[in-house]
């Protein structure tokens, strides 16, 4: 059973109400292998440089069931300044 769609969300760790990305479409790189990807934009990162974030993927399977990844908690990250 493969995936047919995936959404990505990211919020600030220090403020659970501040969504940086909310339900944006991500790419299925390998639906049977479980590889997904979200392409960053400047709007996602410029304002929030230096902030810790929590992220999740919501994967819609071919039977329309939705899987949250990770299944518990969130992926943790740090938005850094762009390389010059």
Foldseek 3Di string as FASTA:
>chain_A
DWFDFKFKWKAFPVDVVGTLGDRHTWADPDGVVPDIGDDDDCSSAVVQAFTKMFMWMWTQHPVRDTAIPPNDGTDIDHRHDDDD
